[in-house]
Amino acid sequence: MRQQLSKAKRWVIKMGTSSLTTSEGHFSYRQLEGVVSQVAGLLKQGVQVVLVSSGAIALGMDTLKRAKRPTSLPELQACAAIGQGKLMKAYESAFSSHGLHAAQILLTRDGLQDRERYVNAKNTIHALLNMGAVPVVNENDTVATEEIKFGDNDVLAAHVADLVEASLLVFLSDIEGLYLKDKTLIRQIHSAEELKEYASHVYPKRSEKTAGGMKTKLEAAHMAMRLGIPIVLANGRDESIVDRILKGEEVGSLFYPISQKTSAKKRWLEHSASPKGVLVVDKGAYRALKEAKKSLLSSGVVRCSGNFKLGDVVELADETGQAFARGLIHYSRDEVQKIKGRKASEIDSILGYKRTDELIHRNNLVFLG
C-alpha cells in the first residue's frame, strides 16, 4: 500500500497549527515556507494539491499577544479575522517564490450540506487545480456558529478530501503518528474495528493554540477510510516528510481505505447532507431496501417526522428508531402523511397526481455505516 501512494495524483494536506508554530507556540513563517516548498515539489511531479490550513487563530493570537486560546466563540472569531488575512498573505508570498499562486477558500458546514453550494465549491476548486493554483482551505471562522461548524480542521479536511475526490489525505502534525498511551507507535490501521480499539487507548495531545487533538483526527480518519481514501498521519516538522510519503517510505501512520469509492452524490448524502426529516419503515420495507436493494415505496412507511419537501434529504429508520439510510425524497411531508402505508397504485387517487411510484429511488439512497 505504501508504494501505491506514489501513484496518488490528488492530495489533500491538512496543516495543523502545531506544524506551523514553534515549540513555544508562536506562528513560524519558516515552517510554513518549508511546507510550501515541499508542496511545490509535488506540483512539479504532476500532483495536484489542496491545502487545509489551520493557523489563522494562532496568528491572530500572536498579533494580539495572547498566550491562551480564547474559549468564547466571538473571541475565537475575532482572532481568526485578524489572522486569516496574514495567513493567506504568508501563503501567497511563499508560493509566489516558486512561481505558483495560492487561492483562499473559506467553507462552512452548511455550505456543503446544500447540494447546489456543494457542487459549486467542488467546481471552483477543480477549476483552480486545473489552472495550476493551490487552493488553501479553512473554515470560515468569522461567520461559523456552533450549529454550522465542522468542529475543527481535521474534520474539514476529510470533507474536502471527499469534495475534491482526493486519492490521498495527509495530516501533518507535530507527532510521528498514532501513539497509544504506552507510547507505542501504530504504523498501520487496516479496519474500522482496529481504529475503534486504538481510539480508547490513544495518547492525547493538545496545545493551548489548537482546536483538535488525536480524537478528532481519528474521527476524520474514520470518515476518510469509509470514503475509500487512504490517510497518512505524520510529523510536519520533518522537512522532507512530503517527499518521503511520496516515495512510499514507512513514515507516520497509514490508515487503509475500508470501502470502495461510491458516486459523488451518494458520498454527499452520507457525509455532508443534513436530513430534513425521518421516515420510519416496517420490517418488510427494511428487508427490501437492505437485502433486495429495492427502492422505497409508500406502502412500507409507518410514520414520518420533520419538515421536508420534494428533493430534500431524509433519514430512514427501522421500527426501533435506528437510522440506517439516507435518501432524496420525491414527496413532501404532507404528501407522505397521506400516502404512507398505501400502495403505489393508490397515490394518484389519494393526491390527485403521482410523480413516481417510489418515495426514494434506490439510486438516490445510501446506507449508513
Protein backbone atom coordinates (compact mmCIF):
# COMPACT_ATOMS: atom_id res chain seq x y z
CA MET A 1 0.00 0.00 0.00
CA ARG A 2 2.83 2.43 0.80
CA GLN A 3 4.24 2.12 -2.72
CA GLN A 4 0.81 2.84 -4.20
CA LEU A 5 0.85 6.29 -2.61
CA SER A 6 3.33 7.38 -5.28
CA LYS A 7 0.50 6.98 -7.81
CA ALA A 8 -1.84 9.33 -5.94
CA LYS A 9 -2.36 12.35 -8.19
CA ARG A 10 -4.58 14.49 -5.98
CA TRP A 11 -3.58 15.11 -2.37
CA VAL A 12 -5.33 16.96 0.40
CA ILE A 13 -2.78 18.04 3.00
CA LYS A 14 -4.05 19.26 6.35
CA MET A 15 -1.62 21.59 8.06
CA GLY A 16 -2.18 21.55 11.80
CA THR A 17 -1.46 24.57 13.94
CA SER A 18 1.26 22.59 15.71
CA SER A 19 3.13 22.10 12.43
CA LEU A 20 3.02 25.84 11.73
CA THR A 21 4.16 27.03 15.15
CA THR A 22 7.33 26.90 17.20
CA SER A 23 7.74 24.77 20.30
CA GLU A 24 6.77 27.91 22.26
CA GLY A 25 3.51 28.12 20.32
CA HIS A 26 4.33 31.13 18.14
CA PHE A 27 3.49 31.14 14.43
CA SER A 28 6.50 30.17 12.32
CA TYR A 29 6.79 31.63 8.81
CA ARG A 30 9.85 29.46 8.31
CA GLN A 31 7.88 26.27 8.87
CA LEU A 32 5.13 27.45 6.53
CA GLU A 33 7.68 28.18 3.83
CA GLY A 34 9.20 24.74 4.32
CA VAL A 35 5.87 23.01 3.72
CA VAL A 36 5.13 25.22 0.72
CA SER A 37 8.48 24.24 -0.78
CA GLN A 38 7.56 20.56 -0.42
CA VAL A 39 4.13 21.16 -1.97
CA ALA A 40 5.76 22.97 -4.89
CA GLY A 41 7.88 19.86 -5.40
CA LEU A 42 4.72 17.74 -5.61
CA LEU A 43 3.21 20.01 -8.25
CA LYS A 44 6.36 19.70 -10.36
CA GLN A 45 5.78 15.94 -10.35
CA GLY A 46 2.23 16.29 -11.65
CA VAL A 47 0.42 16.01 -8.31
CA GLN A 48 -2.48 18.35 -7.60
CA VAL A 49 -2.61 19.61 -4.01
CA VAL A 50 -5.30 21.18 -1.84
CA LEU A 51 -4.13 22.56 1.50
CA VAL A 52 -6.41 22.67 4.51
CA SER A 53 -4.61 25.07 6.78
CA SER A 54 -5.01 25.88 10.41
CA GLY A 55 -3.07 28.78 11.86
CA ALA A 56 -5.39 31.78 11.45
CA ILE A 57 -6.41 31.84 15.11
CA ALA A 58 -2.83 31.23 16.29
CA LEU A 59 -1.58 34.06 14.07
CA GLY A 60 -4.31 36.34 15.40
CA MET A 61 -3.35 35.41 18.96
CA ASP A 62 0.27 36.26 18.23
CA THR A 63 -0.78 39.62 16.80
CA LEU A 64 -2.84 40.34 19.91
CA LYS A 65 -0.09 38.93 22.15
CA ARG A 66 -2.45 36.40 23.74
CA ALA A 67 -0.86 33.26 25.15
CA LYS A 68 -4.01 31.23 25.80
CA ARG A 69 -6.58 30.24 23.20
CA PRO A 70 -9.92 32.03 23.81
CA THR A 71 -12.84 29.87 24.86
CA SER A 72 -15.74 32.03 23.64
CA LEU A 73 -16.83 31.86 20.00
CA PRO A 74 -16.78 35.67 19.41
CA GLU A 75 -13.18 35.93 20.68
CA LEU A 76 -12.11 32.96 18.55
CA GLN A 77 -13.76 34.57 15.53
CA ALA A 78 -12.03 37.87 16.27
CA CYS A 79 -8.63 36.16 16.40
CA ALA A 80 -9.43 34.34 13.15
CA ALA A 81 -10.46 37.60 11.47
CA ILE A 82 -7.13 39.18 12.40
CA GLY A 83 -5.06 36.15 11.49
CA GLN A 84 -6.72 34.91 8.29
CA GLY A 85 -5.52 37.74 6.08
CA LYS A 86 -1.99 37.45 7.45
CA LEU A 87 -2.06 33.68 6.90
CA MET A 88 -3.08 34.00 3.25
CA LYS A 89 -0.51 36.74 2.69
CA ALA A 90 2.14 34.36 4.01
CA TYR A 91 0.98 31.55 1.72
CA GLU A 92 0.79 33.80 -1.33
CA SER A 93 4.30 35.12 -0.67
CA ALA A 94 5.71 31.63 -0.14
CA PHE A 95 4.05 30.11 -3.23
CA SER A 96 4.93 33.08 -5.46
CA SER A 97 8.62 32.42 -4.82
CA HIS A 98 8.04 29.10 -6.63
CA GLY A 99 6.05 30.70 -9.45
CA LEU A 100 2.75 29.45 -8.02
CA HIS A 101 -0.47 31.04 -6.81
CA ALA A 102 -2.40 30.36 -3.61
CA ALA A 103 -6.19 30.69 -3.63
CA GLN A 104 -8.24 31.23 -0.48
CA ILE A 105 -11.32 29.02 0.02
CA LEU A 106 -13.44 29.55 3.15
CA LEU A 107 -16.11 26.94 3.91
CA THR A 108 -18.81 26.32 6.50
CA ARG A 109 -20.65 23.06 7.12
CA ASP A 110 -23.98 24.42 5.88
CA GLY A 111 -22.26 25.36 2.63
CA LEU A 112 -21.60 21.68 1.98
CA GLN A 113 -24.97 20.48 3.29
CA ASP A 114 -26.74 22.28 0.45
CA ARG A 115 -26.29 20.25 -2.74
CA GLU A 116 -26.08 23.26 -5.09
CA ARG A 117 -23.45 25.04 -2.98
CA TYR A 118 -21.56 21.76 -2.54
CA VAL A 119 -21.32 21.30 -6.31
CA ASN A 120 -20.34 24.95 -6.77
CA ALA A 121 -17.50 24.64 -4.24
CA LYS A 122 -16.36 21.43 -5.93
CA ASN A 123 -16.34 23.05 -9.38
CA THR A 124 -14.45 26.11 -8.12
CA ILE A 125 -11.71 24.03 -6.51
CA HIS A 126 -11.40 21.81 -9.59
CA ALA A 127 -11.05 24.92 -11.77
CA LEU A 128 -8.27 26.23 -9.52
CA LEU A 129 -6.45 22.89 -9.66
CA ASN A 130 -6.70 22.83 -13.44
CA MET A 131 -5.19 26.33 -13.51
CA GLY A 132 -2.21 25.06 -11.51
CA ALA A 133 -3.13 27.06 -8.40
CA VAL A 134 -3.06 25.73 -4.84
CA PRO A 135 -6.38 26.10 -3.01
CA VAL A 136 -5.84 26.90 0.67
CA VAL A 137 -8.97 25.92 2.57
CA ASN A 138 -10.04 26.95 6.05
CA GLU A 139 -13.30 27.05 7.92
CA ASN A 140 -14.91 30.47 7.68
CA ASP A 141 -14.39 31.01 11.40
CA THR A 142 -15.63 34.59 11.44
CA VAL A 143 -19.20 33.62 10.47
CA ALA A 144 -19.47 29.99 11.60
CA THR A 145 -21.79 29.32 14.54
CA GLU A 146 -21.69 26.26 16.75
CA GLU A 147 -24.51 24.74 14.70
CA ILE A 148 -22.69 25.04 11.37
CA LYS A 149 -19.11 24.45 12.46
CA PHE A 150 -17.17 21.42 11.26
CA GLY A 151 -15.66 21.19 14.73
CA ASP A 152 -12.07 21.61 13.62
CA ASN A 153 -9.92 21.41 10.52
CA ASP A 154 -9.33 17.67 10.84
CA VAL A 155 -12.99 17.01 10.09
CA LEU A 156 -12.99 19.77 7.48
CA ALA A 157 -10.04 18.09 5.74
CA ALA A 158 -11.96 14.81 5.44
CA HIS A 159 -14.91 16.67 3.91
CA VAL A 160 -12.59 18.47 1.49
CA ALA A 161 -10.95 15.16 0.52
CA ASP A 162 -14.42 13.89 -0.34
CA LEU A 163 -15.36 17.11 -2.13
CA VAL A 164 -12.36 17.05 -4.48
CA GLU A 165 -12.26 13.23 -4.81
CA ALA A 166 -8.74 13.08 -3.39
CA SER A 167 -6.63 9.97 -3.80
CA LEU A 168 -4.70 10.67 -0.56
CA LEU A 169 -5.33 12.63 2.64
CA VAL A 170 -2.30 13.68 4.70
CA PHE A 171 -2.45 15.04 8.25
CA LEU A 172 0.72 16.93 9.18
CA SER A 173 1.09 17.48 12.92
CA ASP A 174 3.93 17.67 15.45
CA ILE A 175 3.96 13.93 16.20
CA GLU A 176 5.24 10.92 14.28
CA GLY A 177 1.85 9.24 14.01
CA LEU A 178 -0.76 7.45 16.11
CA TYR A 179 0.65 6.83 19.58
CA LEU A 180 -1.02 4.74 22.25
CA LYS A 181 -0.84 5.62 25.94
CA ASP A 182 2.12 3.27 26.39
CA LYS A 183 3.90 5.31 23.65
CA THR A 184 3.61 2.51 21.08
CA LEU A 185 3.60 3.95 17.55
CA ILE A 186 0.98 2.28 15.35
CA ARG A 187 2.22 2.20 11.77
CA GLN A 188 -0.84 0.72 10.02
CA ILE A 189 -4.58 0.68 10.68
CA HIS A 190 -6.49 -1.70 8.41
CA SER A 191 -10.08 -1.64 9.64
CA ALA A 192 -12.74 0.30 11.50
CA GLU A 193 -12.53 -2.27 14.29
CA GLU A 194 -8.80 -1.63 14.74
CA LEU A 195 -9.40 2.11 14.75
CA LYS A 196 -12.11 1.80 17.38
CA GLU A 197 -9.85 -0.32 19.57
CA TYR A 198 -6.93 2.10 19.30
CA ALA A 199 -9.20 5.11 19.93
CA SER A 200 -9.76 4.03 23.53
CA HIS A 201 -6.00 3.78 24.16
CA VAL A 202 -4.74 6.77 22.22
CA TYR A 203 -2.19 9.17 23.62
CA PRO A 204 -3.97 12.56 23.65
CA LYS A 205 -2.02 15.65 22.85
CA ARG A 206 -3.39 19.14 22.53
CA SER A 207 -1.85 22.55 22.98
CA GLU A 208 -3.15 25.94 24.05
CA LYS A 209 -3.39 27.16 20.46
CA THR A 210 -5.03 24.17 18.76
CA ALA A 211 -8.69 23.18 18.47
CA GLY A 212 -8.30 19.47 17.92
CA GLY A 213 -6.33 16.54 19.15
CA MET A 214 -5.91 12.88 18.33
CA LYS A 215 -9.61 12.19 18.93
CA THR A 216 -10.73 14.46 16.11
CA LYS A 217 -8.01 13.13 13.81
CA LEU A 218 -9.31 9.60 14.34
CA GLU A 219 -12.88 10.73 13.68
CA ALA A 220 -11.76 12.35 10.44
CA ALA A 221 -9.63 9.33 9.53
CA HIS A 222 -12.60 7.02 10.01
CA MET A 223 -14.69 9.15 7.69
CA ALA A 224 -11.97 9.15 5.02
CA MET A 225 -11.43 5.39 5.37
CA ARG A 226 -15.15 4.85 4.72
CA LEU A 227 -14.91 7.17 1.72
CA GLY A 228 -12.24 4.91 0.23
CA ILE A 229 -9.39 7.39 0.77
CA PRO A 230 -6.06 6.36 2.37
CA ILE A 231 -4.76 8.64 5.13
CA VAL A 232 -1.25 9.29 6.41
CA LEU A 233 -0.70 10.96 9.79
CA ALA A 234 2.89 12.20 10.02
CA ASN A 235 5.25 14.78 11.51
CA GLY A 236 5.02 18.06 9.61
CA ARG A 237 8.25 19.30 11.16
CA ASP A 238 10.20 16.75 9.11
CA GLU A 239 11.47 18.94 6.28
CA SER A 240 11.26 16.09 3.76
CA ILE A 241 8.09 14.41 5.02
CA VAL A 242 6.04 15.01 1.86
CA ASP A 243 8.73 13.55 -0.38
CA ARG A 244 9.14 10.57 1.95
CA ILE A 245 5.40 9.85 1.80
CA LEU A 246 5.52 10.14 -1.99
CA LYS A 247 8.38 7.64 -2.13
CA GLY A 248 6.41 5.13 -0.08
CA GLU A 249 8.68 5.23 2.97
CA GLU A 250 7.23 3.85 6.20
CA VAL A 251 6.70 7.19 7.89
CA GLY A 252 3.86 8.12 10.19
CA SER A 253 0.71 6.05 10.48
CA LEU A 254 -1.15 4.76 7.43
CA PHE A 255 -4.92 4.30 7.60
CA TYR A 256 -6.18 1.96 4.90
CA PRO A 257 -9.41 2.64 2.98
CA ILE A 258 -12.12 0.20 4.07
CA SER A 259 -14.58 0.64 1.22
CA GLN A 260 -14.68 1.33 -2.49
CA LYS A 261 -15.44 4.85 -3.63
CA THR A 262 -19.11 5.44 -4.43
CA SER A 263 -20.71 8.13 -6.57
CA ALA A 264 -20.22 11.76 -5.58
CA LYS A 265 -23.94 12.12 -4.89
CA LYS A 266 -24.01 9.15 -2.51
CA ARG A 267 -20.90 10.38 -0.70
CA TRP A 268 -22.57 13.76 -0.26
CA LEU A 269 -25.74 12.08 1.04
CA GLU A 270 -23.87 10.10 3.68
CA HIS A 271 -21.28 12.58 4.89
CA SER A 272 -22.32 16.16 4.08
CA ALA A 273 -26.07 16.42 3.64
CA SER A 274 -28.31 17.47 6.52
CA PRO A 275 -31.53 15.38 6.79
CA LYS A 276 -34.75 17.39 6.98
CA GLY A 277 -36.87 14.56 8.34
CA VAL A 278 -37.16 10.88 9.23
CA LEU A 279 -39.22 8.08 7.67
CA VAL A 280 -39.79 5.00 9.82
CA VAL A 281 -40.23 1.87 7.70
CA ASP A 282 -41.64 -1.55 8.52
CA LYS A 283 -39.68 -4.82 8.53
CA GLY A 284 -40.72 -5.73 5.00
CA ALA A 285 -39.52 -2.43 3.58
CA TYR A 286 -36.29 -2.67 5.60
CA ARG A 287 -35.53 -6.09 4.08
CA ALA A 288 -36.46 -4.93 0.59
CA LEU A 289 -34.11 -1.97 0.89
CA LYS A 290 -31.18 -3.71 2.60
CA GLU A 291 -31.28 -7.18 1.08
CA ALA A 292 -33.06 -6.87 -2.26
CA LYS A 293 -31.68 -3.36 -2.99
CA LYS A 294 -35.15 -2.08 -3.87
CA SER A 295 -36.49 1.47 -3.87
CA LEU A 296 -38.66 2.72 -1.02
CA LEU A 297 -42.40 2.56 -1.68
CA SER A 298 -45.14 4.33 0.25
CA SER A 299 -46.59 1.01 1.45
CA GLY A 300 -43.53 0.40 3.63
CA VAL A 301 -43.65 3.70 5.55
CA VAL A 302 -45.07 3.53 9.07
CA ARG A 303 -44.72 7.20 10.07
CA CYS A 304 -42.70 10.31 9.30
CA SER A 305 -41.43 13.37 11.13
CA GLY A 306 -39.65 16.60 10.31
CA ASN A 307 -40.44 19.28 7.76
CA PHE A 308 -39.23 18.12 4.37
CA LYS A 309 -40.23 18.94 0.82
CA LEU A 310 -39.71 17.40 -2.60
CA GLY A 311 -35.97 16.86 -3.23
CA ASP A 312 -34.88 17.13 0.41
CA VAL A 313 -32.66 14.61 2.17
CA VAL A 314 -34.42 12.41 4.71
CA GLU A 315 -33.20 9.70 7.03
CA LEU A 316 -34.68 6.20 7.10
CA ALA A 317 -35.09 4.37 10.40
CA ASP A 318 -36.35 0.94 11.38
CA GLU A 319 -39.25 0.49 13.80
CA THR A 320 -36.89 0.71 16.79
CA GLY A 321 -35.84 4.19 15.66
CA GLN A 322 -32.37 3.14 14.49
CA ALA A 323 -31.31 5.19 11.45
CA PHE A 324 -29.86 3.03 8.66
CA ALA A 325 -30.03 5.05 5.43
CA ARG A 326 -30.46 8.46 3.81
CA GLY A 327 -32.08 9.40 0.55
CA LEU A 328 -33.60 12.09 -1.64
CA ILE A 329 -37.39 12.14 -1.20
CA HIS A 330 -39.80 12.56 -4.12
CA TYR A 331 -42.70 13.76 -1.97
CA SER A 332 -43.22 16.35 0.80
CA ARG A 333 -44.01 15.59 4.42
CA ASP A 334 -47.69 16.46 3.95
CA GLU A 335 -47.87 14.15 0.94
CA VAL A 336 -46.14 11.29 2.75
CA GLN A 337 -48.54 11.66 5.68
CA LYS A 338 -51.42 11.00 3.27
CA ILE A 339 -49.90 8.08 1.33
CA LYS A 340 -47.86 6.23 3.99
CA GLY A 341 -48.89 2.59 4.27
CA ARG A 342 -50.77 2.75 0.96
CA LYS A 343 -49.91 1.06 -2.33
CA ALA A 344 -48.19 2.98 -5.13
CA SER A 345 -51.24 2.34 -7.32
CA GLU A 346 -53.35 4.37 -4.87
CA ILE A 347 -51.19 7.52 -4.84
CA ASP A 348 -52.93 9.15 -7.81
CA SER A 349 -56.40 8.71 -6.32
CA ILE A 350 -55.25 10.00 -2.90
CA LEU A 351 -53.24 13.03 -4.02
CA GLY A 352 -54.82 13.66 -7.41
CA TYR A 353 -51.43 13.10 -9.08
CA LYS A 354 -48.41 10.81 -8.91
CA ARG A 355 -44.82 11.86 -9.56
CA THR A 356 -43.26 8.42 -9.24
CA ASP A 357 -44.08 5.04 -7.72
CA GLU A 358 -41.10 5.38 -5.38
CA LEU A 359 -40.77 7.71 -2.41
CA ILE A 360 -36.99 7.27 -2.68
CA HIS A 361 -35.34 5.64 -5.69
CA ARG A 362 -32.55 3.20 -4.91
CA ASN A 363 -30.12 5.32 -6.97
CA ASN A 364 -30.75 8.19 -4.56
CA LEU A 365 -30.31 6.06 -1.44
CA VAL A 366 -27.21 5.41 0.66
CA PHE A 367 -26.84 3.11 3.66
CA LEU A 368 -25.14 4.38 6.78
CA GLY A 369 -22.09 2.58 8.13
